[in-house]
Amino acid sequence: MLPRFTGAIEQVPPVYSALKVDGRRAYALARAGEAVEMKSRQVTIHSLTLLPGAAEDLEQVTLTARVSKGTYIRSLARDIAHALNTVGHVTMLRRTKAGPFTLEGAISLDKLGERAKARSLEQALLPLTAGLDDIPALPVAPDQARALREGRRLAGIAAKPGLHLATDESVPVALVELSEGELRVVRGFNL
């Protein structure tokens, strides 16, 4: 069954998700008892494997998945169970990688709490740019940086359409999106 769920697939996100439906969070609508219709969307399951020894007891299996952004693992488990004419749920979910972040660099909540009490939290923090590593940098002039910090849009910027990290002399200014020749702020940084 797993090869059927590998590659580009259509997935319906769960109603208890943070996605917006008519401007409101789906989970808020569902909790209020309103009917929520989630639209199917395409996601990519790069790999989906059954861990060795997991096939002995099909009452409970452990899968490893490498997926595209926007994939809901609980929905994937639901869809696999439905395809097997049964029901299923996720009992444990462990994210081992998200963007450039892996378990090797992770800090437990206990360790984080200890660092906070010891007032050494700064030593555990990564720079803002660590989480934006896959977004192309877009150098801007100081006057453009000021305009972006004020939330203004810029026109006439020579760059490819899409998301960019606007920087002023390597200092992050804002996460910006270039569309139809206009640069708009998606998220500003107060650095």
C-alpha atoms as a PDB file:
ATOM      1  CA  MET A   1       0.000   0.000   0.000  1.00  0.00           C
ATOM      2  CA  LEU A   2       2.852   2.436   0.775  1.00  0.00           C
ATOM      3  CA  PRO A   3       3.980   2.935  -2.859  1.00  0.00           C
ATOM      4  CA  ARG A   4       0.444   4.160  -3.607  1.00  0.00           C
ATOM      5  CA  PHE A   5       1.066   7.025  -1.167  1.00  0.00           C
ATOM      6  CA  THR A   6       4.526   7.931  -2.449  1.00  0.00           C
ATOM      7  CA  GLY A   7       5.160  10.771  -4.890  1.00  0.00           C
ATOM      8  CA  ALA A   8       2.729  13.586  -5.653  1.00  0.00           C
ATOM      9  CA  ILE A   9      -0.605  12.862  -3.957  1.00  0.00           C
ATOM     10  CA  GLU A  10      -3.809  14.736  -3.205  1.00  0.00           C
ATOM     11  CA  GLN A  11      -4.438  15.236   0.491  1.00  0.00           C
ATOM     12  CA  VAL A  12      -7.353  16.727   2.403  1.00  0.00           C
ATOM     13  CA  PRO A  13      -6.025  18.503   5.510  1.00  0.00           C
ATOM     14  CA  PRO A  14      -7.747  17.745   8.832  1.00  0.00           C
ATOM     15  CA  VAL A  15     -10.553  20.041   9.981  1.00  0.00           C
ATOM     16  CA  TYR A  16      -8.635  20.532  13.233  1.00  0.00           C
ATOM     17  CA  SER A  17      -5.836  22.437  11.501  1.00  0.00           C
ATOM     18  CA  ALA A  18      -4.698  26.057  11.553  1.00  0.00           C
ATOM     19  CA  LEU A  19      -5.570  26.532   7.877  1.00  0.00           C
ATOM     20  CA  LYS A  20      -7.995  29.350   7.214  1.00  0.00           C
ATOM     21  CA  VAL A  21     -11.456  28.747   5.769  1.00  0.00           C
ATOM     22  CA  ASP A  22     -13.312  31.935   4.847  1.00  0.00           C
ATOM     23  CA  GLY A  23     -10.855  33.942   6.941  1.00  0.00           C
ATOM     24  CA  ARG A  24     -11.215  31.836  10.095  1.00  0.00           C
ATOM     25  CA  ARG A  25      -9.065  28.995  11.431  1.00  0.00           C
ATOM     26  CA  ALA A  26     -10.507  25.600  10.554  1.00  0.00           C
ATOM     27  CA  TYR A  27     -10.038  24.303  14.108  1.00  0.00           C
ATOM     28  CA  ALA A  28     -12.047  27.235  15.513  1.00  0.00           C
ATOM     29  CA  LEU A  29     -14.913  26.491  13.141  1.00  0.00           C
ATOM     30  CA  ALA A  30     -14.788  22.754  13.946  1.00  0.00           C
ATOM     31  CA  ARG A  31     -14.721  23.390  17.705  1.00  0.00           C
ATOM     32  CA  ALA A  32     -17.726  25.702  17.326  1.00  0.00           C
ATOM     33  CA  GLY A  33     -19.609  22.793  15.757  1.00  0.00           C
ATOM     34  CA  GLU A  34     -19.709  24.324  12.283  1.00  0.00           C
ATOM     35  CA  ALA A  35     -19.366  22.126   9.206  1.00  0.00           C
ATOM     36  CA  VAL A  36     -15.911  22.616   7.714  1.00  0.00           C
ATOM     37  CA  GLU A  37     -15.115  21.615   4.159  1.00  0.00           C
ATOM     38  CA  MET A  38     -11.393  21.306   3.601  1.00  0.00           C
ATOM     39  CA  LYS A  39     -10.147  21.445   0.028  1.00  0.00           C
ATOM     40  CA  SER A  40      -7.805  18.800  -1.310  1.00  0.00           C
ATOM     41  CA  ARG A  41      -4.304  19.946  -2.154  1.00  0.00           C
ATOM     42  CA  GLN A  42      -1.235  18.392  -3.676  1.00  0.00           C
ATOM     43  CA  VAL A  43       1.666  17.375  -1.456  1.00  0.00           C
ATOM     44  CA  THR A  44       4.696  15.227  -2.173  1.00  0.00           C
ATOM     45  CA  ILE A  45       5.691  12.156  -0.209  1.00  0.00           C
ATOM     46  CA  HIS A  46       9.357  11.760  -1.141  1.00  0.00           C
ATOM     47  CA  SER A  47       9.724   8.486   0.760  1.00  0.00           C
ATOM     48  CA  LEU A  48       7.515   6.359   2.974  1.00  0.00           C
ATOM     49  CA  THR A  49       8.956   3.237   4.537  1.00  0.00           C
ATOM     50  CA  LEU A  50       7.975   0.676   7.124  1.00  0.00           C
ATOM     51  CA  LEU A  51      10.678   0.349   9.769  1.00  0.00           C
ATOM     52  CA  PRO A  52      12.270  -3.130  10.051  1.00  0.00           C
ATOM     53  CA  GLY A  53      10.439  -5.364  12.496  1.00  0.00           C
ATOM     54  CA  ALA A  54       7.328  -3.209  12.269  1.00  0.00           C
ATOM     55  CA  ALA A  55       5.565  -5.588   9.858  1.00  0.00           C
ATOM     56  CA  GLU A  56       5.330  -8.372  12.484  1.00  0.00           C
ATOM     57  CA  ASP A  57       2.302  -6.754  14.140  1.00  0.00           C
ATOM     58  CA  LEU A  58       0.033  -4.877  11.770  1.00  0.00           C
ATOM     59  CA  GLU A  59      -2.004  -3.635  14.728  1.00  0.00           C
ATOM     60  CA  GLN A  60       0.763  -1.101  15.232  1.00  0.00           C
ATOM     61  CA  VAL A  61       3.389  -0.052  12.696  1.00  0.00           C
ATOM     62  CA  THR A  62       6.156   2.521  12.618  1.00  0.00           C
ATOM     63  CA  LEU A  63       6.669   4.487   9.432  1.00  0.00           C
ATOM     64  CA  THR A  64       9.354   6.899   8.396  1.00  0.00           C
ATOM     65  CA  ALA A  65       8.321   9.612   5.946  1.00  0.00           C
ATOM     66  CA  ARG A  66      10.144  12.383   4.106  1.00  0.00           C
ATOM     67  CA  VAL A  67       7.530  14.836   2.912  1.00  0.00           C
ATOM     68  CA  SER A  68       7.040  18.243   1.329  1.00  0.00           C
ATOM     69  CA  LYS A  69       5.969  21.344   3.173  1.00  0.00           C
ATOM     70  CA  GLY A  70       2.257  21.352   3.946  1.00  0.00           C
ATOM     71  CA  THR A  71       1.890  17.598   4.393  1.00  0.00           C
ATOM     72  CA  TYR A  72      -0.234  16.468   7.334  1.00  0.00           C
ATOM     73  CA  ILE A  73       1.132  13.194   8.713  1.00  0.00           C
ATOM     74  CA  ARG A  74      -2.070  12.440  10.613  1.00  0.00           C
ATOM     75  CA  SER A  75      -4.023  12.824   7.370  1.00  0.00           C
ATOM     76  CA  LEU A  76      -1.543  10.527   5.645  1.00  0.00           C
ATOM     77  CA  ALA A  77      -2.104   7.878   8.343  1.00  0.00           C
ATOM     78  CA  ARG A  78      -5.877   8.333   8.021  1.00  0.00           C
ATOM     79  CA  ASP A  79      -5.740   7.932   4.239  1.00  0.00           C
ATOM     80  CA  ILE A  80      -3.548   4.814   4.412  1.00  0.00           C
ATOM     81  CA  ALA A  81      -5.944   3.256   6.932  1.00  0.00           C
ATOM     82  CA  HIS A  82      -8.950   4.094   4.734  1.00  0.00           C
ATOM     83  CA  ALA A  83      -7.204   2.544   1.715  1.00  0.00           C
ATOM     84  CA  LEU A  84      -6.770  -0.622   3.808  1.00  0.00           C
ATOM     85  CA  ASN A  85     -10.508  -0.544   4.673  1.00  0.00           C
ATOM     86  CA  THR A  86      -9.821   0.030   8.334  1.00  0.00           C
ATOM     87  CA  VAL A  87      -9.273   2.872  10.770  1.00  0.00           C
ATOM     88  CA  GLY A  88      -6.071   4.208  12.178  1.00  0.00           C
ATOM     89  CA  HIS A  89      -4.470   6.994  14.129  1.00  0.00           C
ATOM     90  CA  VAL A  90      -1.071   8.355  15.034  1.00  0.00           C
ATOM     91  CA  THR A  91       0.115   7.433  18.513  1.00  0.00           C
ATOM     92  CA  MET A  92       3.488   9.142  18.282  1.00  0.00           C
ATOM     93  CA  LEU A  93       4.864  11.694  15.852  1.00  0.00           C
ATOM     94  CA  ARG A  94       8.503  12.687  15.880  1.00  0.00           C
ATOM     95  CA  ARG A  95       9.826  15.287  13.471  1.00  0.00           C
ATOM     96  CA  THR A  96      13.489  14.526  12.784  1.00  0.00           C
ATOM     97  CA  LYS A  97      14.172  17.353  10.337  1.00  0.00           C
ATOM     98  CA  ALA A  98      12.554  20.655   9.420  1.00  0.00           C
ATOM     99  CA  GLY A  99      14.405  22.755   6.879  1.00  0.00           C
ATOM    100  CA  PRO A 100      18.024  23.057   8.037  1.00  0.00           C
ATOM    101  CA  PHE A 101      17.185  21.856  11.578  1.00  0.00           C
ATOM    102  CA  THR A 102      17.813  18.268  12.687  1.00  0.00           C
ATOM    103  CA  LEU A 103      17.662  16.326  15.958  1.00  0.00           C
ATOM    104  CA  GLU A 104      21.429  16.605  16.345  1.00  0.00           C
ATOM    105  CA  GLY A 105      21.097  20.324  17.045  1.00  0.00           C
ATOM    106  CA  ALA A 106      17.934  20.050  19.111  1.00  0.00           C
ATOM    107  CA  ILE A 107      17.707  21.007  22.781  1.00  0.00           C
ATOM    108  CA  SER A 108      15.215  19.345  25.113  1.00  0.00           C
ATOM    109  CA  LEU A 109      12.703  21.521  26.950  1.00  0.00           C
ATOM    110  CA  ASP A 110      14.368  20.518  30.233  1.00  0.00           C
ATOM    111  CA  LYS A 111      17.778  21.718  29.003  1.00  0.00           C
ATOM    112  CA  LEU A 112      16.214  24.889  27.660  1.00  0.00           C
ATOM    113  CA  GLY A 113      14.602  25.500  31.069  1.00  0.00           C
ATOM    114  CA  GLU A 114      17.955  24.950  32.794  1.00  0.00           C
ATOM    115  CA  ARG A 115      19.634  27.461  30.477  1.00  0.00           C
ATOM    116  CA  ALA A 116      16.881  29.982  31.117  1.00  0.00           C
ATOM    117  CA  LYS A 117      17.314  29.643  34.897  1.00  0.00           C
ATOM    118  CA  ALA A 118      21.094  29.967  34.503  1.00  0.00           C
ATOM    119  CA  ARG A 119      20.544  33.049  32.330  1.00  0.00           C
ATOM    120  CA  SER A 120      22.550  31.440  29.501  1.00  0.00           C
ATOM    121  CA  LEU A 121      19.705  31.125  27.018  1.00  0.00           C
ATOM    122  CA  GLU A 122      21.538  33.240  24.425  1.00  0.00           C
ATOM    123  CA  GLN A 123      24.128  30.475  24.012  1.00  0.00           C
ATOM    124  CA  ALA A 124      21.402  28.110  22.775  1.00  0.00           C
ATOM    125  CA  LEU A 125      19.838  30.511  20.301  1.00  0.00           C
ATOM    126  CA  LEU A 126      20.654  30.463  16.612  1.00  0.00           C
ATOM    127  CA  PRO A 127      20.711  33.608  14.484  1.00  0.00           C
ATOM    128  CA  LEU A 128      17.496  34.549  12.682  1.00  0.00           C
ATOM    129  CA  THR A 129      19.084  33.718   9.333  1.00  0.00           C
ATOM    130  CA  ALA A 130      19.522  30.051  10.352  1.00  0.00           C
ATOM    131  CA  GLY A 131      15.800  29.490   9.828  1.00  0.00           C
ATOM    132  CA  LEU A 132      15.763  31.407   6.560  1.00  0.00           C
ATOM    133  CA  ASP A 133      18.705  29.614   4.964  1.00  0.00           C
ATOM    134  CA  ASP A 134      16.711  28.390   1.956  1.00  0.00           C
ATOM    135  CA  ILE A 135      15.314  31.840   1.088  1.00  0.00           C
ATOM    136  CA  PRO A 136      17.446  33.896  -1.314  1.00  0.00           C
ATOM    137  CA  ALA A 137      18.931  37.095   0.087  1.00  0.00           C
ATOM    138  CA  LEU A 138      18.022  40.379  -1.585  1.00  0.00           C
ATOM    139  CA  PRO A 139      20.422  43.207  -0.739  1.00  0.00           C
ATOM    140  CA  VAL A 140      18.670  46.575  -0.417  1.00  0.00           C
ATOM    141  CA  ALA A 141      20.001  50.116  -0.010  1.00  0.00           C
ATOM    142  CA  PRO A 142      19.636  51.853   3.375  1.00  0.00           C
ATOM    143  CA  ASP A 143      16.720  54.031   2.155  1.00  0.00           C
ATOM    144  CA  GLN A 144      14.938  50.937   0.804  1.00  0.00           C
ATOM    145  CA  ALA A 145      15.577  49.135   4.107  1.00  0.00           C
ATOM    146  CA  ARG A 146      13.995  52.054   5.973  1.00  0.00           C
ATOM    147  CA  ALA A 147      10.940  51.939   3.684  1.00  0.00           C
ATOM    148  CA  LEU A 148      10.564  48.183   4.232  1.00  0.00           C
ATOM    149  CA  ARG A 149      10.887  48.607   8.020  1.00  0.00           C
ATOM    150  CA  GLU A 150       8.001  51.062   7.767  1.00  0.00           C
ATOM    151  CA  GLY A 151       5.982  48.464   5.875  1.00  0.00           C
ATOM    152  CA  ARG A 152       5.991  50.352   2.586  1.00  0.00           C
ATOM    153  CA  ARG A 153       6.015  48.604  -0.784  1.00  0.00           C
ATOM    154  CA  LEU A 154       8.843  49.059  -3.255  1.00  0.00           C
ATOM    155  CA  ALA A 155       8.663  49.024  -7.041  1.00  0.00           C
ATOM    156  CA  GLY A 156      11.375  48.580  -9.635  1.00  0.00           C
ATOM    157  CA  ILE A 157      13.382  45.923  -7.760  1.00  0.00           C
ATOM    158  CA  ALA A 158      15.345  43.655 -10.077  1.00  0.00           C
ATOM    159  CA  ALA A 159      14.873  40.140  -8.716  1.00  0.00           C
ATOM    160  CA  LYS A 160      12.984  36.932  -9.446  1.00  0.00           C
ATOM    161  CA  PRO A 161       9.378  36.774  -8.234  1.00  0.00           C
ATOM    162  CA  GLY A 162       8.836  34.994  -4.916  1.00  0.00           C
ATOM    163  CA  LEU A 163      10.064  35.177  -1.341  1.00  0.00           C
ATOM    164  CA  HIS A 164      13.333  36.907  -0.471  1.00  0.00           C
ATOM    165  CA  LEU A 165      15.200  37.921   2.656  1.00  0.00           C
ATOM    166  CA  ALA A 166      15.810  41.654   2.324  1.00  0.00           C
ATOM    167  CA  THR A 167      19.145  42.563   3.889  1.00  0.00           C
ATOM    168  CA  ASP A 168      20.932  45.838   4.547  1.00  0.00           C
ATOM    169  CA  GLU A 169      24.674  45.103   4.653  1.00  0.00           C
ATOM    170  CA  SER A 170      23.910  41.480   5.673  1.00  0.00           C
ATOM    171  CA  VAL A 171      21.525  42.555   8.477  1.00  0.00           C
ATOM    172  CA  PRO A 172      18.064  41.004   7.945  1.00  0.00           C
ATOM    173  CA  VAL A 173      15.435  43.689   7.334  1.00  0.00           C
ATOM    174  CA  ALA A 174      12.326  41.751   6.335  1.00  0.00           C
ATOM    175  CA  LEU A 175      10.962  38.688   4.661  1.00  0.00           C
ATOM    176  CA  VAL A 176       9.563  40.122   1.438  1.00  0.00           C
ATOM    177  CA  GLU A 177       7.644  38.867  -1.580  1.00  0.00           C
ATOM    178  CA  LEU A 178       8.183  40.148  -5.097  1.00  0.00           C
ATOM    179  CA  SER A 179       5.075  39.901  -7.240  1.00  0.00           C
ATOM    180  CA  GLU A 180       4.076  41.825 -10.370  1.00  0.00           C
ATOM    181  CA  GLY A 181       7.104  44.110 -10.045  1.00  0.00           C
ATOM    182  CA  GLU A 182       6.253  45.139  -6.490  1.00  0.00           C
ATOM    183  CA  LEU A 183       8.061  44.174  -3.308  1.00  0.00           C
ATOM    184  CA  ARG A 184       5.883  43.856  -0.209  1.00  0.00           C
ATOM    185  CA  VAL A 185       6.752  42.970   3.385  1.00  0.00           C
ATOM    186  CA  VAL A 186       5.571  39.559   4.536  1.00  0.00           C
ATOM    187  CA  ARG A 187       7.297  39.738   7.946  1.00  0.00           C
ATOM    188  CA  GLY A 188       9.385  42.586   9.298  1.00  0.00           C
ATOM    189  CA  PHE A 189      12.339  42.177  11.684  1.00  0.00           C
ATOM    190  CA  ASN A 190      13.229  44.632  14.407  1.00  0.00           C
ATOM    191  CA  LEU A 191      16.981  44.084  14.547  1.00  0.00           C
END
